[in-house]
Amino acid sequence: MDYRKITEEDSNHDDLECKSVNEIIKGIHSEDFNALKAIEEVIPVIEKVIEKIIIQLNKNGRLFYIGAGTSGRLGVLDASECPPTFGTDPGLVIGIIAGGDPALRNSIENAEDDFLEGWKELKNHNVNSNDFVIGIAASGSTPFVVGSLKNCQQNKIPTACICSNPKSPITKYSDYAIEVVVGPEYITGSSRMKAGTSQKLILNMISSATMIKLGRIKGNKMIDIQITNEKLENRACRMIQESLNINYSKAFDLLKKHKSVRKAIEFKKHNE
């Protein structure tokens, strides 16, 4: 398949080593605006992806992110933030990275080049047609990701991709292709920059909007937040206090008793 490899094209900026720090960071900042503009162009397809994910999760399905390198790390990051933020089961949103957990901190040579390994990882999780799989690859050609989506489609598992090269191989195996074309990177080929930024912002949209529509947010508050430290305990108390119009001490007592903002609010309202 012929496609334009924009992520590998020469930067619009040159002689970087001769620039001042101020010039460098202003150049990077200006390029980041291109990422924001590119995301705006693909909001309609992001919306369709989210609507389909909601359908799948309401069928007791799961959401998978699969990627390599920076893309894989961002997928794992978004997945790992769902339980503490939205109170979800760790198995609801799952991030898979080429090379496994060691690849979160280190580059695992050639891990992304195995066309079948990603599908093996998905099968280890018993992936099925109730699930939804998003392949993340700035280039759109990473074998680990492309192979995963190809096998998903062959097994009637709905798919999407997030990539930065239009009409790249990954789009062939995606029911929904989020082609966020951010342009050449400030440092030529360094797709951890604008491409990575766009991926992170899109993943924020996908997980947050999905969880809001699944009832994991009340008003604008994280009602199902996991209370794992003093800061979050204080936040939880304030949510209970505001929702029930009670003082902090009573909110604290309810939280201690029910260990959950949602349960504390529901108990109090049902027993008034």
C-alpha atoms as a PDB file:
ATOM      1  CA  MET A   1       0.000   0.000   0.000  1.00  0.00           C
ATOM      2  CA  ASP A   2       1.437   3.376  -0.990  1.00  0.00           C
ATOM      3  CA  TYR A   3       1.075   6.128   1.548  1.00  0.00           C
ATOM      4  CA  ARG A   4       2.809   9.297   2.558  1.00  0.00           C
ATOM      5  CA  LYS A   5       5.093   8.779   5.575  1.00  0.00           C
ATOM      6  CA  ILE A   6       4.620  12.228   7.077  1.00  0.00           C
ATOM      7  CA  THR A   7       5.984  11.134  10.464  1.00  0.00           C
ATOM      8  CA  GLU A   8       9.366  10.541   8.786  1.00  0.00           C
ATOM      9  CA  GLU A   9       9.473  13.733   6.742  1.00  0.00           C
ATOM     10  CA  ASP A  10      12.113  16.374   7.376  1.00  0.00           C
ATOM     11  CA  SER A  11      11.322  18.913  10.090  1.00  0.00           C
ATOM     12  CA  ASN A  12      10.173  22.392   9.153  1.00  0.00           C
ATOM     13  CA  HIS A  13      12.875  23.642  11.534  1.00  0.00           C
ATOM     14  CA  ASP A  14      16.642  23.317  10.993  1.00  0.00           C
ATOM     15  CA  ASP A  15      19.953  24.167  12.624  1.00  0.00           C
ATOM     16  CA  LEU A  16      18.358  23.291  15.959  1.00  0.00           C
ATOM     17  CA  GLU A  17      21.711  23.121  17.741  1.00  0.00           C
ATOM     18  CA  CYS A  18      22.348  26.758  16.834  1.00  0.00           C
ATOM     19  CA  LYS A  19      19.123  28.036  18.366  1.00  0.00           C
ATOM     20  CA  SER A  20      18.711  29.459  21.856  1.00  0.00           C
ATOM     21  CA  VAL A  21      16.652  27.583  24.433  1.00  0.00           C
ATOM     22  CA  ASN A  22      13.918  30.181  24.004  1.00  0.00           C
ATOM     23  CA  GLU A  23      13.849  29.654  20.230  1.00  0.00           C
ATOM     24  CA  ILE A  24      13.743  25.872  20.664  1.00  0.00           C
ATOM     25  CA  ILE A  25      10.861  25.776  23.098  1.00  0.00           C
ATOM     26  CA  LYS A  26       8.878  28.368  21.143  1.00  0.00           C
ATOM     27  CA  GLY A  27       9.356  26.227  18.030  1.00  0.00           C
ATOM     28  CA  ILE A  28       8.165  23.111  19.827  1.00  0.00           C
ATOM     29  CA  HIS A  29       5.214  25.009  21.267  1.00  0.00           C
ATOM     30  CA  SER A  30       4.204  26.307  17.858  1.00  0.00           C
ATOM     31  CA  GLU A  31       4.254  22.781  16.457  1.00  0.00           C
ATOM     32  CA  ASP A  32       2.093  21.531  19.334  1.00  0.00           C
ATOM     33  CA  PHE A  33      -0.656  23.838  18.081  1.00  0.00           C
ATOM     34  CA  ASN A  34      -0.630  21.816  14.855  1.00  0.00           C
ATOM     35  CA  ALA A  35      -1.445  18.729  16.899  1.00  0.00           C
ATOM     36  CA  LEU A  36      -4.483  20.473  18.410  1.00  0.00           C
ATOM     37  CA  LYS A  37      -5.686  21.592  14.969  1.00  0.00           C
ATOM     38  CA  ALA A  38      -5.259  18.062  13.610  1.00  0.00           C
ATOM     39  CA  ILE A  39      -7.343  16.599  16.441  1.00  0.00           C
ATOM     40  CA  GLU A  40     -10.168  19.014  15.711  1.00  0.00           C
ATOM     41  CA  GLU A  41     -10.327  17.614  12.173  1.00  0.00           C
ATOM     42  CA  VAL A  42     -10.921  14.048  13.409  1.00  0.00           C
ATOM     43  CA  ILE A  43     -13.445  14.719  16.185  1.00  0.00           C
ATOM     44  CA  PRO A  44     -16.315  13.203  14.103  1.00  0.00           C
ATOM     45  CA  VAL A  45     -14.580   9.828  13.854  1.00  0.00           C
ATOM     46  CA  ILE A  46     -13.495   9.963  17.522  1.00  0.00           C
ATOM     47  CA  GLU A  47     -17.170  10.427  18.366  1.00  0.00           C
ATOM     48  CA  LYS A  48     -18.102   7.319  16.372  1.00  0.00           C
ATOM     49  CA  VAL A  49     -15.382   5.313  18.085  1.00  0.00           C
ATOM     50  CA  ILE A  50     -16.632   6.304  21.535  1.00  0.00           C
ATOM     51  CA  GLU A  51     -20.232   5.502  20.661  1.00  0.00           C
ATOM     52  CA  LYS A  52     -19.203   2.024  19.511  1.00  0.00           C
ATOM     53  CA  ILE A  53     -17.061   1.445  22.617  1.00  0.00           C
ATOM     54  CA  ILE A  54     -20.045   2.304  24.823  1.00  0.00           C
ATOM     55  CA  ILE A  55     -22.140  -0.272  22.972  1.00  0.00           C
ATOM     56  CA  GLN A  56     -19.425  -2.918  23.410  1.00  0.00           C
ATOM     57  CA  LEU A  57     -18.881  -2.227  27.116  1.00  0.00           C
ATOM     58  CA  ASN A  58     -22.620  -2.378  27.705  1.00  0.00           C
ATOM     59  CA  LYS A  59     -22.423  -5.916  26.291  1.00  0.00           C
ATOM     60  CA  ASN A  60     -19.904  -6.781  29.030  1.00  0.00           C
ATOM     61  CA  GLY A  61     -17.076  -6.235  26.568  1.00  0.00           C
ATOM     62  CA  ARG A  62     -13.716  -4.641  27.254  1.00  0.00           C
ATOM     63  CA  LEU A  63     -11.580  -1.930  25.694  1.00  0.00           C
ATOM     64  CA  PHE A  64      -8.064  -2.841  24.581  1.00  0.00           C
ATOM     65  CA  TYR A  65      -5.268  -0.478  23.582  1.00  0.00           C
ATOM     66  CA  ILE A  66      -2.366  -2.069  21.739  1.00  0.00           C
ATOM     67  CA  GLY A  67       0.843  -0.401  20.608  1.00  0.00           C
ATOM     68  CA  ALA A  68       4.634  -0.346  20.674  1.00  0.00           C
ATOM     69  CA  GLY A  69       7.133   2.152  22.060  1.00  0.00           C
ATOM     70  CA  THR A  70       5.677   5.555  22.920  1.00  0.00           C
ATOM     71  CA  SER A  71       2.283   4.580  21.486  1.00  0.00           C
ATOM     72  CA  GLY A  72       2.154   1.451  23.614  1.00  0.00           C
ATOM     73  CA  ARG A  73       3.200   3.321  26.746  1.00  0.00           C
ATOM     74  CA  LEU A  74       0.466   5.911  26.241  1.00  0.00           C
ATOM     75  CA  GLY A  75      -2.133   3.167  25.851  1.00  0.00           C
ATOM     76  CA  VAL A  76      -0.985   1.436  29.031  1.00  0.00           C
ATOM     77  CA  LEU A  77      -0.993   4.784  30.839  1.00  0.00           C
ATOM     78  CA  ASP A  78      -4.573   5.587  29.881  1.00  0.00           C
ATOM     79  CA  ALA A  79      -5.747   2.078  30.778  1.00  0.00           C
ATOM     80  CA  SER A  80      -3.988   2.140  34.150  1.00  0.00           C
ATOM     81  CA  GLU A  81      -5.611   5.468  35.055  1.00  0.00           C
ATOM     82  CA  CYS A  82      -9.167   4.155  34.627  1.00  0.00           C
ATOM     83  CA  PRO A  83      -9.477   2.179  37.894  1.00  0.00           C
ATOM     84  CA  PRO A  84      -8.316   4.991  40.228  1.00  0.00           C
ATOM     85  CA  THR A  85     -10.187   7.705  38.302  1.00  0.00           C
ATOM     86  CA  PHE A  86     -13.447   5.942  37.499  1.00  0.00           C
ATOM     87  CA  GLY A  87     -13.496   3.009  39.938  1.00  0.00           C
ATOM     88  CA  THR A  88     -13.506   0.463  37.121  1.00  0.00           C
ATOM     89  CA  ASP A  89     -12.304  -3.110  37.309  1.00  0.00           C
ATOM     90  CA  PRO A  90      -8.685  -3.341  36.087  1.00  0.00           C
ATOM     91  CA  GLY A  91      -9.871  -5.758  33.430  1.00  0.00           C
ATOM     92  CA  LEU A  92     -12.263  -3.324  31.769  1.00  0.00           C
ATOM     93  CA  VAL A  93      -9.663  -1.216  29.957  1.00  0.00           C
ATOM     94  CA  ILE A  94      -6.458  -3.081  29.130  1.00  0.00           C
ATOM     95  CA  GLY A  95      -3.231  -1.742  27.666  1.00  0.00           C
ATOM     96  CA  ILE A  96      -0.890  -4.050  25.761  1.00  0.00           C
ATOM     97  CA  ILE A  97       2.618  -2.987  24.731  1.00  0.00           C
ATOM     98  CA  ALA A  98       5.071  -4.825  22.491  1.00  0.00           C
ATOM     99  CA  GLY A  99       7.727  -6.353  24.711  1.00  0.00           C
ATOM    100  CA  GLY A 100       5.496  -6.463  27.782  1.00  0.00           C
ATOM    101  CA  ASP A 101       5.971  -4.540  31.021  1.00  0.00           C
ATOM    102  CA  PRO A 102       9.782  -4.202  30.619  1.00  0.00           C
ATOM    103  CA  ALA A 103       9.078  -2.083  27.519  1.00  0.00           C
ATOM    104  CA  LEU A 104       7.393   0.542  29.688  1.00  0.00           C
ATOM    105  CA  ARG A 105      10.818   1.693  30.843  1.00  0.00           C
ATOM    106  CA  ASN A 106      13.210   0.303  28.256  1.00  0.00           C
ATOM    107  CA  SER A 107      13.371  -0.090  24.510  1.00  0.00           C
ATOM    108  CA  ILE A 108      12.857  -3.770  23.649  1.00  0.00           C
ATOM    109  CA  GLU A 109      14.660  -4.408  20.387  1.00  0.00           C
ATOM    110  CA  ASN A 110      12.540  -5.768  17.519  1.00  0.00           C
ATOM    111  CA  ALA A 111       9.489  -6.371  19.748  1.00  0.00           C
ATOM    112  CA  GLU A 112       7.347  -4.229  17.455  1.00  0.00           C
ATOM    113  CA  ASP A 113       8.359  -6.170  14.353  1.00  0.00           C
ATOM    114  CA  ASP A 114       6.530  -9.402  15.242  1.00  0.00           C
ATOM    115  CA  PHE A 115       3.333  -9.482  13.167  1.00  0.00           C
ATOM    116  CA  LEU A 116       1.648 -12.205  15.268  1.00  0.00           C
ATOM    117  CA  GLU A 117       2.778 -11.437  18.823  1.00  0.00           C
ATOM    118  CA  GLY A 118       0.153  -8.771  19.473  1.00  0.00           C
ATOM    119  CA  TRP A 119      -2.632 -11.140  18.486  1.00  0.00           C
ATOM    120  CA  LYS A 120      -1.169 -13.788  20.808  1.00  0.00           C
ATOM    121  CA  GLU A 121      -1.266 -11.264  23.645  1.00  0.00           C
ATOM    122  CA  LEU A 122      -4.895 -10.439  22.878  1.00  0.00           C
ATOM    123  CA  LYS A 123      -5.793 -14.130  22.807  1.00  0.00           C
ATOM    124  CA  ASN A 124      -4.170 -14.522  26.219  1.00  0.00           C
ATOM    125  CA  HIS A 125      -6.881 -12.131  27.415  1.00  0.00           C
ATOM    126  CA  ASN A 126      -9.554 -14.181  25.600  1.00  0.00           C
ATOM    127  CA  VAL A 127     -10.422 -11.274  23.338  1.00  0.00           C
ATOM    128  CA  ASN A 128     -13.811 -11.727  21.660  1.00  0.00           C
ATOM    129  CA  SER A 129     -16.423  -9.987  19.518  1.00  0.00           C
ATOM    130  CA  ASN A 130     -17.890  -8.142  22.526  1.00  0.00           C
ATOM    131  CA  ASP A 131     -14.616  -6.287  22.985  1.00  0.00           C
ATOM    132  CA  PHE A 132     -13.167  -3.282  21.159  1.00  0.00           C
ATOM    133  CA  VAL A 133      -9.510  -3.003  20.154  1.00  0.00           C
ATOM    134  CA  ILE A 134      -7.697   0.253  19.373  1.00  0.00           C
ATOM    135  CA  GLY A 135      -4.319   0.021  17.663  1.00  0.00           C
ATOM    136  CA  ILE A 136      -2.021   2.970  18.352  1.00  0.00           C
ATOM    137  CA  ALA A 137       0.879   3.600  15.952  1.00  0.00           C
ATOM    138  CA  ALA A 138       2.071   7.000  14.776  1.00  0.00           C
ATOM    139  CA  SER A 139       3.526   5.491  11.596  1.00  0.00           C
ATOM    140  CA  GLY A 140       0.488   3.322  11.005  1.00  0.00           C
ATOM    141  CA  SER A 141       2.757   0.486   9.897  1.00  0.00           C
ATOM    142  CA  THR A 142       4.034  -1.148  13.109  1.00  0.00           C
ATOM    143  CA  PRO A 143       3.752  -4.925  12.447  1.00  0.00           C
ATOM    144  CA  PHE A 144       2.865  -5.730  16.079  1.00  0.00           C
ATOM    145  CA  VAL A 145      -0.163  -3.451  15.822  1.00  0.00           C
ATOM    146  CA  VAL A 146      -1.150  -4.057  12.200  1.00  0.00           C
ATOM    147  CA  GLY A 147      -1.096  -7.823  12.721  1.00  0.00           C
ATOM    148  CA  SER A 148      -3.235  -7.490  15.828  1.00  0.00           C
ATOM    149  CA  LEU A 149      -5.954  -5.516  14.066  1.00  0.00           C
ATOM    150  CA  LYS A 150      -5.902  -7.769  11.016  1.00  0.00           C
ATOM    151  CA  ASN A 151      -6.553 -10.815  13.186  1.00  0.00           C
ATOM    152  CA  CYS A 152      -9.217  -8.950  15.134  1.00  0.00           C
ATOM    153  CA  GLN A 153     -11.106  -8.157  11.958  1.00  0.00           C
ATOM    154  CA  GLN A 154     -10.822 -11.760  10.803  1.00  0.00           C
ATOM    155  CA  ASN A 155     -12.443 -12.754  14.094  1.00  0.00           C
ATOM    156  CA  LYS A 156     -15.215 -10.126  13.900  1.00  0.00           C
ATOM    157  CA  ILE A 157     -13.787  -8.023  16.729  1.00  0.00           C
ATOM    158  CA  PRO A 158     -14.440  -4.288  16.157  1.00  0.00           C
ATOM    159  CA  THR A 159     -11.329  -2.171  15.723  1.00  0.00           C
ATOM    160  CA  ALA A 160     -10.048   1.384  15.495  1.00  0.00           C
ATOM    161  CA  CYS A 161      -6.645   2.950  15.070  1.00  0.00           C
ATOM    162  CA  ILE A 162      -4.889   6.175  15.991  1.00  0.00           C
ATOM    163  CA  CYS A 163      -2.160   7.042  13.494  1.00  0.00           C
ATOM    164  CA  SER A 164      -0.497  10.097  11.958  1.00  0.00           C
ATOM    165  CA  ASN A 165       0.046   8.942   8.372  1.00  0.00           C
ATOM    166  CA  PRO A 166      -3.081   8.877   6.173  1.00  0.00           C
ATOM    167  CA  LYS A 167      -3.954   5.664   4.349  1.00  0.00           C
ATOM    168  CA  SER A 168      -1.254   3.756   6.235  1.00  0.00           C
ATOM    169  CA  PRO A 169      -1.448  -0.077   6.510  1.00  0.00           C
ATOM    170  CA  ILE A 170      -3.166  -0.005   9.899  1.00  0.00           C
ATOM    171  CA  THR A 171      -6.193   1.781   8.447  1.00  0.00           C
ATOM    172  CA  LYS A 172      -6.942  -1.200   6.209  1.00  0.00           C
ATOM    173  CA  TYR A 173      -7.775  -3.254   9.291  1.00  0.00           C
ATOM    174  CA  SER A 174      -9.606  -0.562  11.254  1.00  0.00           C
ATOM    175  CA  ASP A 175     -13.366  -0.155  11.284  1.00  0.00           C
ATOM    176  CA  TYR A 176     -12.697   3.403  12.422  1.00  0.00           C
ATOM    177  CA  ALA A 177      -9.471   5.141  11.421  1.00  0.00           C
ATOM    178  CA  ILE A 178      -8.475   8.164  13.489  1.00  0.00           C
ATOM    179  CA  GLU A 179      -5.890   9.668  11.137  1.00  0.00           C
ATOM    180  CA  VAL A 180      -4.563  12.634  13.088  1.00  0.00           C
ATOM    181  CA  VAL A 181      -2.098  14.212  10.664  1.00  0.00           C
ATOM    182  CA  VAL A 182       0.095  16.458  12.794  1.00  0.00           C
ATOM    183  CA  GLY A 183       2.820  17.067  10.195  1.00  0.00           C
ATOM    184  CA  PRO A 184       6.593  16.520  10.457  1.00  0.00           C
ATOM    185  CA  GLU A 185       8.038  16.542  13.962  1.00  0.00           C
ATOM    186  CA  TYR A 186      10.187  19.380  15.335  1.00  0.00           C
ATOM    187  CA  ILE A 187      13.002  16.825  15.589  1.00  0.00           C
ATOM    188  CA  THR A 188      12.747  14.796  12.400  1.00  0.00           C
ATOM    189  CA  GLY A 189      11.118  11.414  13.024  1.00  0.00           C
ATOM    190  CA  SER A 190      10.658  11.900  16.782  1.00  0.00           C
ATOM    191  CA  SER A 191       7.018  10.854  16.911  1.00  0.00           C
ATOM    192  CA  ARG A 192       7.011  10.927  20.708  1.00  0.00           C
ATOM    193  CA  MET A 193       6.490  14.688  20.244  1.00  0.00           C
ATOM    194  CA  LYS A 194       3.449  15.958  18.301  1.00  0.00           C
ATOM    195  CA  ALA A 195       2.180  12.519  17.324  1.00  0.00           C
ATOM    196  CA  GLY A 196       2.487  11.323  20.910  1.00  0.00           C
ATOM    197  CA  THR A 197       0.793  14.452  22.217  1.00  0.00           C
ATOM    198  CA  SER A 198      -2.143  13.936  19.878  1.00  0.00           C
ATOM    199  CA  GLN A 199      -2.430  10.285  20.915  1.00  0.00           C
ATOM    200  CA  LYS A 200      -2.536  11.227  24.599  1.00  0.00           C
ATOM    201  CA  LEU A 201      -5.213  13.866  24.034  1.00  0.00           C
ATOM    202  CA  ILE A 202      -7.351  11.497  21.968  1.00  0.00           C
ATOM    203  CA  LEU A 203      -7.042   8.728  24.550  1.00  0.00           C
ATOM    204  CA  ASN A 204      -8.134  11.235  27.195  1.00  0.00           C
ATOM    205  CA  MET A 205     -11.238  11.936  25.108  1.00  0.00           C
ATOM    206  CA  ILE A 206     -12.003   8.252  24.523  1.00  0.00           C
ATOM    207  CA  SER A 207     -11.719   7.008  28.095  1.00  0.00           C
ATOM    208  CA  SER A 208     -13.229  10.090  29.745  1.00  0.00           C
ATOM    209  CA  ALA A 209     -16.247  10.432  27.447  1.00  0.00           C
ATOM    210  CA  THR A 210     -16.879   6.687  27.617  1.00  0.00           C
ATOM    211  CA  MET A 211     -16.834   6.616  31.406  1.00  0.00           C
ATOM    212  CA  ILE A 212     -19.019   9.717  31.656  1.00  0.00           C
ATOM    213  CA  LYS A 213     -21.656   8.063  29.446  1.00  0.00           C
ATOM    214  CA  LEU A 214     -21.387   4.844  31.473  1.00  0.00           C
ATOM    215  CA  GLY A 215     -22.358   6.781  34.595  1.00  0.00           C
ATOM    216  CA  ARG A 216     -18.959   6.953  36.252  1.00  0.00           C
ATOM    217  CA  ILE A 217     -19.156  10.735  36.734  1.00  0.00           C
ATOM    218  CA  LYS A 218     -21.847  12.685  38.615  1.00  0.00           C
ATOM    219  CA  GLY A 219     -22.126  16.315  37.579  1.00  0.00           C
ATOM    220  CA  ASN A 220     -18.439  16.894  36.988  1.00  0.00           C
ATOM    221  CA  LYS A 221     -17.144  14.841  39.913  1.00  0.00           C
ATOM    222  CA  MET A 222     -15.300  11.515  40.042  1.00  0.00           C
ATOM    223  CA  ILE A 223     -17.925   9.820  42.176  1.00  0.00           C
ATOM    224  CA  ASP A 224     -16.272   6.392  41.836  1.00  0.00           C
ATOM    225  CA  ILE A 225     -12.739   7.576  42.591  1.00  0.00           C
ATOM    226  CA  GLN A 226     -10.521   5.124  44.478  1.00  0.00           C
ATOM    227  CA  ILE A 227      -9.539   6.658  47.801  1.00  0.00           C
ATOM    228  CA  THR A 228      -5.888   5.721  48.124  1.00  0.00           C
ATOM    229  CA  ASN A 229      -4.299   8.706  49.876  1.00  0.00           C
ATOM    230  CA  GLU A 230      -5.054  11.733  52.062  1.00  0.00           C
ATOM    231  CA  LYS A 231      -5.512  14.099  49.121  1.00  0.00           C
ATOM    232  CA  LEU A 232      -8.136  11.851  47.544  1.00  0.00           C
ATOM    233  CA  GLU A 233      -9.810  11.295  50.906  1.00  0.00           C
ATOM    234  CA  ASN A 234     -10.224  15.055  51.289  1.00  0.00           C
ATOM    235  CA  ARG A 235     -11.558  15.331  47.751  1.00  0.00           C
ATOM    236  CA  ALA A 236     -14.029  12.531  48.416  1.00  0.00           C
ATOM    237  CA  CYS A 237     -15.248  14.213  51.593  1.00  0.00           C
ATOM    238  CA  ARG A 238     -15.791  17.476  49.759  1.00  0.00           C
ATOM    239  CA  MET A 239     -17.821  15.680  47.085  1.00  0.00           C
ATOM    240  CA  ILE A 240     -20.049  14.113  49.737  1.00  0.00           C
ATOM    241  CA  GLN A 241     -20.316  17.413  51.584  1.00  0.00           C
ATOM    242  CA  GLU A 242     -21.350  19.301  48.455  1.00  0.00           C
ATOM    243  CA  SER A 243     -23.782  16.657  47.216  1.00  0.00           C
ATOM    244  CA  LEU A 244     -25.593  16.274  50.537  1.00  0.00           C
ATOM    245  CA  ASN A 245     -25.170  19.820  51.826  1.00  0.00           C
ATOM    246  CA  ILE A 246     -23.686  18.619  55.118  1.00  0.00           C
ATOM    247  CA  ASN A 247     -20.589  19.629  57.059  1.00  0.00           C
ATOM    248  CA  TYR A 248     -17.172  18.105  56.505  1.00  0.00           C
ATOM    249  CA  SER A 249     -17.227  16.060  59.708  1.00  0.00           C
ATOM    250  CA  LYS A 250     -20.468  14.280  58.763  1.00  0.00           C
ATOM    251  CA  ALA A 251     -19.139  13.705  55.236  1.00  0.00           C
ATOM    252  CA  PHE A 252     -15.980  12.207  56.707  1.00  0.00           C
ATOM    253  CA  ASP A 253     -17.997   9.839  58.901  1.00  0.00           C
ATOM    254  CA  LEU A 254     -20.070   8.685  55.929  1.00  0.00           C
ATOM    255  CA  LEU A 255     -16.960   8.078  53.873  1.00  0.00           C
ATOM    256  CA  LYS A 256     -15.321   6.074  56.652  1.00  0.00           C
ATOM    257  CA  LYS A 257     -18.426   3.929  56.960  1.00  0.00           C
ATOM    258  CA  HIS A 258     -19.073   3.275  53.263  1.00  0.00           C
ATOM    259  CA  LYS A 259     -15.557   3.552  51.759  1.00  0.00           C
ATOM    260  CA  SER A 260     -17.091   5.066  48.631  1.00  0.00           C
ATOM    261  CA  VAL A 261     -18.406   8.467  47.597  1.00  0.00           C
ATOM    262  CA  ARG A 262     -21.215   6.905  45.570  1.00  0.00           C
ATOM    263  CA  LYS A 263     -22.303   4.534  48.339  1.00  0.00           C
ATOM    264  CA  ALA A 264     -22.147   7.252  50.979  1.00  0.00           C
ATOM    265  CA  ILE A 265     -24.358   9.601  48.935  1.00  0.00           C
ATOM    266  CA  GLU A 266     -26.830   6.886  47.976  1.00  0.00           C
ATOM    267  CA  PHE A 267     -27.117   5.620  51.573  1.00  0.00           C
ATOM    268  CA  LYS A 268     -27.765   9.086  52.957  1.00  0.00           C
ATOM    269  CA  LYS A 269     -30.352   9.977  50.320  1.00  0.00           C
ATOM    270  CA  HIS A 270     -32.209   6.679  50.758  1.00  0.00           C
ATOM    271  CA  ASN A 271     -32.364   7.104  54.524  1.00  0.00           C
ATOM    272  CA  GLU A 272     -33.444  10.705  54.812  1.00  0.00           C
END
